[in-house]
Amino acid sequence: MKKIAIIGGGAWGTALAIALTQSSVAHRLALWAHSADVVEMLSARRVNEIYLSGFELPADVEVTGGLEKALAGADIVLGVMPSAHARALYRAIRPHVAPDSIFVSATKGLEPDTYARISEVIAQEIGMDSPSRIAVLSGPSFALEVAAGDPTAVVLASADATLASEVQEEFSGPRFRLYTNDDVIGTEIAGAVKNVIAIAAGICTGLELGTNAVAALVTRGLAEMTRLAVALGGRRETLSGLAGVGDLILTATGELSRNRSVGIELGKGRDLREILGSTRSVAEGVGSAAATLELARRTKVEMPITEQVHSVLTAGRVTRDAIRELMERRLKQE
């Protein structure tokens, strides 16, 4: 029986812990959380009232605030931390894992300072010569619905087909289905950039521009995501699947989307600092916008929606002006 150490006690980490107790394969589970109040709450009441209220964490999931304890004997390390904290956490994880441990990243973002994908961060900090022990979990998956047991299908990407199949069997259950592919780059870029596009979709909603505008923006946003992923070495078909268009539709239109919610509030005229200060949850698109734009510049990929989101987030650009500029761009072929 394998042990899975889930590193991150937010909504997604908690939901995955719940889902993995219902997998077809039995395993031991440990959930590590950074915040002492989350550890205390989950240990005493078995409900993460801060991030995922209303769902009981099964009694056989070990909860701890100690990395060494969580990682002891772990065969699989499932990283569910915000992208901004990934490097420091993986650096802290390294002394406590076995040389043959498998790493699965469920973080949908880019490292803000280096613009690195999280699988790259893992390889650098764990000291791997090749990415053969790394997989990436992504796709349309609101934490609340996964915790509730609603049917969900996601993607597990790894350069090693054997590893992907192993984790697929370990994680899959009657209501949590995993598909595999070997396009780690495309899967990670899709997971990060869709959050940026979702902010833009939320802005359209907050400005009450109508569903025509949202549909157009999501479609053109998918084109941006695809151009960047392909330029970086990903495959176009990955962006047409669950990790790409599937997750984009969910995040850009779903009521539970944190990134869309940030965009809606920006569209209504609220200050970004006020929006972010009102919640402990992380909207990854805020941190990934600058990294996405820098990757676009390096690869000479045109990403006008990302440019406008970045200007709203960092330069305080008026949201209505940003949308107007997108609409008034030079006419061209699709």
Protein backbone atom coordinates (compact mmCIF):
# COMPACT_ATOMS: atom_id res chain seq x y z
CA MET A 1 0.00 0.00 0.00
CA LYS A 2 1.56 3.29 -1.13
CA LYS A 3 1.67 6.46 0.94
CA ILE A 4 0.68 9.78 -0.65
CA ALA A 5 1.80 12.99 1.04
CA ILE A 6 -0.39 15.95 0.04
CA ILE A 7 1.53 19.19 0.52
CA GLY A 8 -0.94 22.07 0.79
CA GLY A 9 -4.00 22.42 3.01
CA GLY A 10 -6.05 24.85 0.94
CA ALA A 11 -9.30 24.05 -0.84
CA TRP A 12 -7.68 22.00 -3.63
CA GLY A 13 -5.40 20.04 -1.32
CA THR A 14 -8.28 19.23 1.01
CA ALA A 15 -10.53 18.23 -1.90
CA LEU A 16 -7.86 15.93 -3.33
CA ALA A 17 -7.41 14.31 0.08
CA ILE A 18 -11.13 13.59 0.18
CA ALA A 19 -11.18 12.31 -3.42
CA LEU A 20 -8.17 10.05 -2.91
CA THR A 21 -9.87 8.27 0.01
CA GLN A 22 -12.41 7.12 -2.57
CA SER A 23 -9.89 5.90 -5.15
CA SER A 24 -10.10 2.40 -6.56
CA VAL A 25 -6.67 1.60 -5.03
CA ALA A 26 -6.17 1.72 -1.26
CA HIS A 27 -3.35 3.90 0.07
CA ARG A 28 -2.22 5.84 3.12
CA LEU A 29 -2.75 9.60 3.07
CA ALA A 30 -1.08 12.45 4.90
CA LEU A 31 -2.15 16.09 4.48
CA TRP A 32 0.33 18.84 5.36
CA ALA A 33 -0.87 22.40 5.91
CA HIS A 34 1.29 25.47 6.50
CA SER A 35 -1.16 27.39 8.69
CA ALA A 36 -1.44 26.25 12.29
CA ASP A 37 -5.13 27.17 12.44
CA VAL A 38 -5.89 24.93 9.46
CA VAL A 39 -3.96 22.02 11.03
CA GLU A 40 -5.78 22.48 14.34
CA MET A 41 -9.17 22.76 12.66
CA LEU A 42 -8.71 19.68 10.48
CA SER A 43 -7.30 17.66 13.37
CA ALA A 44 -10.05 18.58 15.82
CA ARG A 45 -13.14 19.02 13.66
CA ARG A 46 -12.09 17.32 10.37
CA VAL A 47 -13.54 20.22 8.36
CA ASN A 48 -11.49 22.91 6.61
CA GLU A 49 -13.83 25.76 7.46
CA ILE A 50 -11.40 28.37 6.15
CA TYR A 51 -10.95 27.05 2.62
CA LEU A 52 -13.53 24.30 2.01
CA SER A 53 -16.36 24.47 4.50
CA GLY A 54 -19.01 21.77 4.59
CA PHE A 55 -16.92 18.70 3.75
CA GLU A 56 -15.59 16.24 6.29
CA LEU A 57 -12.05 14.97 5.91
CA PRO A 58 -12.10 11.19 6.43
CA ALA A 59 -10.61 10.01 9.71
CA ASP A 60 -7.89 7.93 8.04
CA VAL A 61 -6.23 11.01 6.53
CA GLU A 62 -3.33 12.04 8.77
CA VAL A 63 -3.15 15.82 9.28
CA THR A 64 0.10 17.49 10.27
CA GLY A 65 1.99 20.77 10.22
CA GLY A 66 5.34 18.96 10.10
CA LEU A 67 6.86 18.30 6.69
CA GLU A 68 9.10 15.52 7.93
CA LYS A 69 6.14 13.69 9.46
CA ALA A 70 3.99 14.09 6.36
CA LEU A 71 6.75 12.89 4.04
CA ALA A 72 7.97 9.94 6.14
CA GLY A 73 7.69 6.86 3.93
CA ALA A 74 5.91 8.76 1.14
CA ASP A 75 5.92 7.04 -2.24
CA ILE A 76 4.11 9.95 -3.95
CA VAL A 77 4.41 13.64 -3.09
CA LEU A 78 1.39 15.58 -4.33
CA GLY A 79 2.19 19.31 -4.37
CA VAL A 80 -0.85 21.57 -4.04
CA MET A 81 0.81 24.78 -2.86
CA PRO A 82 0.54 28.26 -4.48
CA SER A 83 3.12 28.73 -7.21
CA ALA A 84 4.80 31.60 -5.34
CA HIS A 85 5.69 29.23 -2.48
CA ALA A 86 6.56 26.16 -4.54
CA ARG A 87 10.34 26.59 -4.68
CA ALA A 88 10.79 27.14 -0.96
CA LEU A 89 8.58 24.18 -0.14
CA TYR A 90 10.25 21.76 -2.55
CA ARG A 91 13.62 22.86 -1.20
CA ALA A 92 12.38 22.04 2.30
CA ILE A 93 10.93 18.74 1.10
CA ARG A 94 14.16 17.43 -0.46
CA PRO A 95 15.88 16.14 2.74
CA HIS A 96 12.80 14.13 3.73
CA VAL A 97 12.01 12.11 0.59
CA ALA A 98 13.35 8.86 -0.75
CA PRO A 99 15.41 8.89 -3.98
CA ASP A 100 12.68 7.04 -5.86
CA SER A 101 9.73 9.16 -4.69
CA ILE A 102 7.28 10.32 -7.36
CA PHE A 103 6.28 13.99 -7.52
CA VAL A 104 2.88 15.09 -8.81
CA SER A 105 2.29 18.83 -9.17
CA ALA A 106 -1.30 20.05 -8.93
CA THR A 107 -0.25 23.72 -8.82
CA LYS A 108 -1.70 25.72 -11.74
CA GLY A 109 0.64 28.66 -12.08
CA LEU A 110 4.10 29.90 -13.04
CA GLU A 111 6.80 30.95 -10.60
CA PRO A 112 6.48 34.77 -10.49
CA ASP A 113 10.20 35.58 -10.21
CA THR A 114 11.70 33.11 -12.67
CA TYR A 115 8.69 32.42 -14.98
CA ALA A 116 9.44 28.71 -14.52
CA ARG A 117 6.85 25.97 -14.76
CA ILE A 118 6.40 24.13 -11.48
CA SER A 119 7.73 20.84 -12.87
CA GLU A 120 10.95 22.75 -13.65
CA VAL A 121 11.04 24.07 -10.09
CA ILE A 122 10.65 20.52 -8.74
CA ALA A 123 13.47 19.16 -10.93
CA GLN A 124 15.77 21.98 -9.86
CA GLU A 125 15.07 21.79 -6.13
CA ILE A 126 14.85 18.02 -5.74
CA GLY A 127 18.01 17.64 -7.82
CA MET A 128 16.78 15.52 -10.70
CA ASP A 129 18.81 15.09 -13.86
CA SER A 130 15.65 14.23 -15.80
CA PRO A 131 11.92 14.80 -15.26
CA SER A 132 11.15 11.07 -15.27
CA ARG A 133 9.78 11.05 -11.71
CA ILE A 134 7.53 14.10 -12.20
CA ALA A 135 3.91 14.30 -13.30
CA VAL A 136 1.49 17.21 -13.58
CA LEU A 137 -2.19 17.07 -12.63
CA SER A 138 -4.47 19.60 -14.34
CA GLY A 139 -7.87 20.05 -15.95
CA PRO A 140 -11.37 21.34 -15.12
CA SER A 141 -11.75 20.68 -11.40
CA PHE A 142 -13.36 23.03 -8.90
CA ALA A 143 -12.33 21.88 -5.43
CA LEU A 144 -15.85 22.10 -4.02
CA GLU A 145 -17.28 19.81 -6.70
CA VAL A 146 -14.44 17.30 -6.35
CA ALA A 147 -15.01 17.20 -2.58
CA ALA A 148 -18.73 16.75 -3.15
CA GLY A 149 -18.05 13.73 -5.35
CA ASP A 150 -19.35 15.30 -8.55
CA PRO A 151 -18.00 13.52 -11.66
CA THR A 152 -14.67 15.07 -12.66
CA ALA A 153 -12.17 14.28 -15.43
CA VAL A 154 -8.62 15.63 -15.35
CA VAL A 155 -5.26 15.10 -17.06
CA LEU A 156 -2.06 13.60 -15.72
CA ALA A 157 0.96 14.52 -17.84
CA SER A 158 4.40 12.95 -17.54
CA ALA A 159 7.35 12.30 -19.81
CA ASP A 160 7.38 8.76 -18.40
CA ALA A 161 4.39 6.75 -19.65
CA THR A 162 4.90 4.04 -17.03
CA LEU A 163 4.87 6.56 -14.20
CA ALA A 164 1.76 8.25 -15.64
CA SER A 165 -0.08 4.93 -15.77
CA GLU A 166 0.98 4.11 -12.21
CA VAL A 167 -0.32 7.40 -10.81
CA GLN A 168 -3.44 7.18 -12.97
CA GLU A 169 -4.32 3.85 -11.34
CA GLU A 170 -3.47 5.16 -7.87
CA PHE A 171 -5.57 8.34 -8.11
CA SER A 172 -8.58 7.33 -10.21
CA GLY A 173 -11.91 6.51 -8.63
CA PRO A 174 -15.56 6.09 -9.62
CA ARG A 175 -16.09 9.88 -9.74
CA PHE A 176 -12.54 11.12 -10.34
CA ARG A 177 -11.23 10.06 -13.75
CA LEU A 178 -7.67 10.65 -14.99
CA TYR A 179 -6.49 10.67 -18.60
CA THR A 180 -2.75 10.61 -19.35
CA ASN A 181 -0.54 12.34 -21.88
CA ASP A 182 3.19 13.08 -22.24
CA ASP A 183 2.87 16.81 -22.93
CA VAL A 184 4.00 18.31 -19.63
CA ILE A 185 4.75 21.71 -21.18
CA GLY A 186 1.38 22.11 -22.87
CA THR A 187 -0.49 20.90 -19.78
CA GLU A 188 1.31 23.29 -17.43
CA ILE A 189 1.08 26.31 -19.70
CA ALA A 190 -2.63 25.69 -20.20
CA GLY A 191 -3.19 25.40 -16.45
CA ALA A 192 -1.38 28.65 -15.75
CA VAL A 193 -2.54 30.88 -18.60
CA LYS A 194 -6.23 29.95 -18.39
CA ASN A 195 -6.27 31.74 -15.03
CA VAL A 196 -5.12 34.97 -16.68
CA ILE A 197 -7.79 34.67 -19.36
CA ALA A 198 -10.38 33.96 -16.66
CA ILE A 199 -9.57 37.28 -15.01
CA ALA A 200 -10.26 39.01 -18.33
CA ALA A 201 -13.54 37.10 -18.70
CA GLY A 202 -14.50 38.20 -15.20
CA ILE A 203 -13.75 41.81 -16.08
CA CYS A 204 -16.19 41.55 -19.01
CA THR A 205 -18.82 40.20 -16.65
CA GLY A 206 -18.14 42.89 -14.05
CA LEU A 207 -18.49 45.55 -16.73
CA GLU A 208 -21.79 43.93 -17.84
CA LEU A 209 -20.60 43.67 -21.44
CA GLY A 210 -22.76 40.64 -22.17
CA THR A 211 -22.19 37.00 -23.01
CA ASN A 212 -21.11 37.76 -26.60
CA ALA A 213 -18.06 39.54 -25.21
CA VAL A 214 -17.21 36.74 -22.79
CA ALA A 215 -17.52 34.08 -25.50
CA ALA A 216 -15.30 36.07 -27.87
CA LEU A 217 -12.72 36.71 -25.17
CA VAL A 218 -12.57 33.06 -24.09
CA THR A 219 -12.17 31.93 -27.69
CA ARG A 220 -9.41 34.39 -28.45
CA GLY A 221 -7.87 33.59 -25.08
CA LEU A 222 -7.62 29.95 -26.09
CA ALA A 223 -5.78 31.07 -29.24
CA GLU A 224 -3.29 32.95 -27.03
CA MET A 225 -2.78 29.96 -24.75
CA THR A 226 -2.23 27.69 -27.73
CA ARG A 227 0.29 29.99 -29.43
CA LEU A 228 2.40 30.24 -26.28
CA ALA A 229 2.25 26.53 -25.44
CA VAL A 230 3.30 25.53 -28.95
CA ALA A 231 6.11 28.11 -29.02
CA LEU A 232 7.47 26.65 -25.77
CA GLY A 233 7.35 23.08 -27.07
CA GLY A 234 3.83 21.95 -26.14
CA ARG A 235 1.36 20.34 -28.49
CA ARG A 236 -1.66 22.05 -30.03
CA GLU A 237 -3.94 19.10 -29.33
CA THR A 238 -3.29 19.37 -25.59
CA LEU A 239 -4.89 22.82 -25.65
CA SER A 240 -7.96 21.31 -27.33
CA GLY A 241 -8.44 18.86 -24.47
CA LEU A 242 -9.29 18.87 -20.78
CA ALA A 243 -6.16 20.72 -19.69
CA GLY A 244 -6.77 23.48 -22.23
CA VAL A 245 -10.24 24.35 -23.45
CA GLY A 246 -11.89 22.27 -20.72
CA ASP A 247 -10.21 24.08 -17.83
CA LEU A 248 -10.51 27.44 -19.59
CA ILE A 249 -14.28 27.13 -20.00
CA LEU A 250 -14.66 26.14 -16.35
CA THR A 251 -12.44 28.88 -14.94
CA ALA A 252 -13.64 31.67 -17.23
CA THR A 253 -17.37 31.01 -16.81
CA GLY A 254 -17.90 29.04 -13.58
CA GLU A 255 -19.38 30.70 -10.53
CA LEU A 256 -16.80 29.04 -8.25
CA SER A 257 -13.78 30.45 -10.10
CA ARG A 258 -11.53 32.61 -7.91
CA ASN A 259 -9.78 34.17 -10.93
CA ARG A 260 -13.09 35.05 -12.59
CA SER A 261 -14.29 36.52 -9.29
CA VAL A 262 -11.22 38.76 -9.10
CA GLY A 263 -11.94 39.95 -12.65
CA ILE A 264 -15.59 40.64 -11.84
CA GLU A 265 -14.62 42.82 -8.88
CA LEU A 266 -12.01 44.65 -10.98
CA GLY A 267 -14.68 45.27 -13.62
CA LYS A 268 -16.90 46.76 -10.92
CA GLY A 269 -14.14 49.21 -10.04
CA ARG A 270 -12.73 47.69 -6.84
CA ASP A 271 -9.03 48.05 -6.04
CA LEU A 272 -6.94 44.90 -6.54
CA ARG A 273 -5.36 45.10 -3.09
CA GLU A 274 -8.77 45.33 -1.49
CA ILE A 275 -10.01 42.33 -3.48
CA LEU A 276 -7.02 40.16 -2.57
CA GLY A 277 -7.06 41.31 1.04
CA SER A 278 -10.62 40.12 1.54
CA THR A 279 -9.78 36.42 1.13
CA ARG A 280 -7.10 33.89 2.09
CA SER A 281 -7.64 31.97 -1.14
CA VAL A 282 -5.14 32.45 -3.96
CA ALA A 283 -6.10 33.57 -7.47
CA GLU A 284 -3.11 32.21 -9.43
CA GLY A 285 -3.83 34.37 -12.47
CA VAL A 286 -2.78 37.50 -10.58
CA GLY A 287 0.74 36.18 -10.06
CA SER A 288 1.00 34.38 -13.40
CA ALA A 289 0.06 37.31 -15.65
CA ALA A 290 3.51 38.93 -15.59
CA ALA A 291 5.26 35.58 -16.00
CA THR A 292 3.02 34.68 -18.94
CA LEU A 293 3.69 38.00 -20.62
CA GLU A 294 7.45 37.60 -20.18
CA LEU A 295 7.35 34.12 -21.73
CA ALA A 296 5.36 35.60 -24.62
CA ARG A 297 7.98 38.28 -25.15
CA ARG A 298 10.82 35.75 -25.06
CA THR A 299 9.11 33.57 -27.67
CA LYS A 300 7.80 36.54 -29.70
CA VAL A 301 4.20 35.37 -29.26
CA GLU A 302 1.40 37.91 -29.50
CA MET A 303 -0.87 37.83 -26.41
CA PRO A 304 -3.03 40.99 -26.40
CA ILE A 305 -5.50 39.78 -23.76
CA THR A 306 -2.68 38.89 -21.38
CA GLU A 307 -1.09 42.30 -22.02
CA GLN A 308 -4.29 44.10 -21.05
CA VAL A 309 -4.83 41.97 -17.94
CA HIS A 310 -1.25 42.68 -16.89
CA SER A 311 -1.75 46.44 -17.37
CA VAL A 312 -4.91 46.34 -15.24
CA LEU A 313 -3.21 44.35 -12.48
CA THR A 314 0.11 46.19 -12.33
CA ALA A 315 -0.44 49.65 -13.80
CA GLY A 316 -3.96 50.29 -12.58
CA ARG A 317 -5.33 50.61 -16.08
CA VAL A 318 -9.05 51.30 -16.27
CA THR A 319 -10.76 48.04 -17.18
CA ARG A 320 -13.12 49.58 -19.72
CA ASP A 321 -10.15 51.15 -21.52
CA ALA A 322 -8.41 47.77 -21.64
CA ILE A 323 -11.43 46.12 -23.25
CA ARG A 324 -11.84 49.01 -25.68
CA GLU A 325 -8.24 48.62 -26.86
CA LEU A 326 -8.80 44.92 -27.51
CA MET A 327 -11.87 45.72 -29.63
CA GLU A 328 -10.13 48.49 -31.58
CA ARG A 329 -7.04 46.49 -32.55
CA ARG A 330 -6.11 46.25 -36.22
CA LEU A 331 -8.57 44.11 -38.16
CA LYS A 332 -7.16 40.76 -39.19
CA GLN A 333 -7.98 37.19 -40.22
CA GLU A 334 -8.86 34.67 -37.53
